[in-house]
Amino acid sequence: MTNTSHSIVDIDALGQPCPMPLLLLKRQLKKAEPKQQFLLKSSDPHSEIDILRYCEIHQINCCFKKISENEFHYLIES
């Protein structure tokens, strides 16, 4: 039996304007293993539209949570 669990990769895009949160996510997805999980943290309110739409188009699982007015978290599974 093989262990296929992976730790969650943290992507810190706090303080970075769009399109940086999406670009950082794309960079990590390129080197992701199957079923790899990512926690993207962003402070840009426009990231909600960008990240959720990108994940929808590419059929990537994404759970969004608004932490505060200036912090948004996305749990993404490749």
C-alpha atoms as a PDB file:
ATOM      1  CA  MET A   1       0.000   0.000   0.000  1.00  0.00           C
ATOM      2  CA  THR A   2       1.350   3.424  -0.943  1.00  0.00           C
ATOM      3  CA  ASN A   3       0.841   6.648   0.926  1.00  0.00           C
ATOM      4  CA  THR A   4      -0.663   9.198  -1.454  1.00  0.00           C
ATOM      5  CA  SER A   5      -1.325  11.906   1.104  1.00  0.00           C
ATOM      6  CA  HIS A   6       0.452  15.184   0.544  1.00  0.00           C
ATOM      7  CA  SER A   7       0.902  18.138   2.820  1.00  0.00           C
ATOM      8  CA  ILE A   8      -0.964  21.286   1.881  1.00  0.00           C
ATOM      9  CA  VAL A   9       1.236  23.758  -0.006  1.00  0.00           C
ATOM     10  CA  ASP A  10       0.844  27.303   1.311  1.00  0.00           C
ATOM     11  CA  ILE A  11       0.752  30.051  -1.339  1.00  0.00           C
ATOM     12  CA  ASP A  12       1.042  33.448   0.339  1.00  0.00           C
ATOM     13  CA  ALA A  13      -0.163  36.213  -1.977  1.00  0.00           C
ATOM     14  CA  LEU A  14      -1.115  38.600   0.812  1.00  0.00           C
ATOM     15  CA  GLY A  15      -0.313  42.193  -0.135  1.00  0.00           C
ATOM     16  CA  GLN A  16       0.086  41.345  -3.811  1.00  0.00           C
ATOM     17  CA  PRO A  17      -2.369  42.821  -6.340  1.00  0.00           C
ATOM     18  CA  CYS A  18      -3.997  40.898  -9.160  1.00  0.00           C
ATOM     19  CA  PRO A  19      -2.933  39.075 -11.209  1.00  0.00           C
ATOM     20  CA  MET A  20      -0.204  37.862  -8.815  1.00  0.00           C
ATOM     21  CA  PRO A  21      -2.393  35.479  -6.745  1.00  0.00           C
ATOM     22  CA  LEU A  22      -3.484  33.694  -9.925  1.00  0.00           C
ATOM     23  CA  LEU A  23       0.045  33.636 -11.353  1.00  0.00           C
ATOM     24  CA  LEU A  24       1.440  32.160  -8.126  1.00  0.00           C
ATOM     25  CA  LEU A  25      -1.278  29.492  -8.192  1.00  0.00           C
ATOM     26  CA  LYS A  26      -0.558  28.611 -11.826  1.00  0.00           C
ATOM     27  CA  ARG A  27       3.151  28.252 -11.045  1.00  0.00           C
ATOM     28  CA  GLN A  28       2.424  25.794  -8.234  1.00  0.00           C
ATOM     29  CA  LEU A  29      -0.125  23.839 -10.288  1.00  0.00           C
ATOM     30  CA  LYS A  30       2.465  23.214 -13.013  1.00  0.00           C
ATOM     31  CA  LYS A  31       4.635  21.250 -10.597  1.00  0.00           C
ATOM     32  CA  ALA A  32       1.796  19.659  -8.598  1.00  0.00           C
ATOM     33  CA  GLU A  33       1.373  15.959  -8.042  1.00  0.00           C
ATOM     34  CA  PRO A  34      -2.078  14.403  -8.519  1.00  0.00           C
ATOM     35  CA  LYS A  35      -4.452  15.282  -5.687  1.00  0.00           C
ATOM     36  CA  GLN A  36      -2.009  17.891  -4.326  1.00  0.00           C
ATOM     37  CA  GLN A  37      -3.717  20.529  -2.171  1.00  0.00           C
ATOM     38  CA  PHE A  38      -2.913  24.228  -1.979  1.00  0.00           C
ATOM     39  CA  LEU A  39      -3.963  26.948   0.421  1.00  0.00           C
ATOM     40  CA  LEU A  40      -3.850  30.263  -1.415  1.00  0.00           C
ATOM     41  CA  LYS A  41      -4.051  33.331   0.814  1.00  0.00           C
ATOM     42  CA  SER A  42      -4.860  36.629  -0.867  1.00  0.00           C
ATOM     43  CA  SER A  43      -5.704  40.163   0.221  1.00  0.00           C
ATOM     44  CA  ASP A  44      -6.902  41.316  -3.210  1.00  0.00           C
ATOM     45  CA  PRO A  45     -10.731  41.309  -3.384  1.00  0.00           C
ATOM     46  CA  HIS A  46     -10.574  40.762  -7.162  1.00  0.00           C
ATOM     47  CA  SER A  47      -8.835  37.430  -6.586  1.00  0.00           C
ATOM     48  CA  GLU A  48     -12.211  35.877  -5.760  1.00  0.00           C
ATOM     49  CA  ILE A  49     -13.383  36.325  -9.338  1.00  0.00           C
ATOM     50  CA  ASP A  50     -10.036  35.369 -10.903  1.00  0.00           C
ATOM     51  CA  ILE A  51      -9.293  32.265  -8.831  1.00  0.00           C
ATOM     52  CA  LEU A  52     -12.813  30.822  -8.785  1.00  0.00           C
ATOM     53  CA  ARG A  53     -13.287  31.368 -12.523  1.00  0.00           C
ATOM     54  CA  TYR A  54      -9.885  29.841 -13.355  1.00  0.00           C
ATOM     55  CA  CYS A  55     -10.661  26.773 -11.252  1.00  0.00           C
ATOM     56  CA  GLU A  56     -14.099  26.435 -12.818  1.00  0.00           C
ATOM     57  CA  ILE A  57     -12.726  26.625 -16.368  1.00  0.00           C
ATOM     58  CA  HIS A  58     -10.010  24.050 -15.616  1.00  0.00           C
ATOM     59  CA  GLN A  59     -12.283  21.815 -13.520  1.00  0.00           C
ATOM     60  CA  ILE A  60     -10.147  22.206 -10.414  1.00  0.00           C
ATOM     61  CA  ASN A  61     -11.743  21.776  -6.988  1.00  0.00           C
ATOM     62  CA  CYS A  62     -11.703  25.037  -5.055  1.00  0.00           C
ATOM     63  CA  CYS A  63     -13.270  26.035  -1.730  1.00  0.00           C
ATOM     64  CA  PHE A  64     -13.410  29.759  -0.986  1.00  0.00           C
ATOM     65  CA  LYS A  65     -13.540  31.343   2.470  1.00  0.00           C
ATOM     66  CA  LYS A  66     -13.584  35.046   3.283  1.00  0.00           C
ATOM     67  CA  ILE A  67     -11.533  35.417   6.462  1.00  0.00           C
ATOM     68  CA  SER A  68     -11.959  39.203   6.783  1.00  0.00           C
ATOM     69  CA  GLU A  69     -12.526  42.252   4.585  1.00  0.00           C
ATOM     70  CA  ASN A  70      -8.888  42.007   3.502  1.00  0.00           C
ATOM     71  CA  GLU A  71      -8.122  38.290   3.576  1.00  0.00           C
ATOM     72  CA  PHE A  72      -9.421  35.511   1.363  1.00  0.00           C
ATOM     73  CA  HIS A  73      -8.445  31.831   1.482  1.00  0.00           C
ATOM     74  CA  TYR A  74      -8.805  29.260  -1.288  1.00  0.00           C
ATOM     75  CA  LEU A  75      -8.330  25.539  -0.706  1.00  0.00           C
ATOM     76  CA  ILE A  76      -7.475  24.095  -4.109  1.00  0.00           C
ATOM     77  CA  GLU A  77      -6.929  20.483  -5.148  1.00  0.00           C
ATOM     78  CA  SER A  78      -5.126  19.707  -8.389  1.00  0.00           C
END
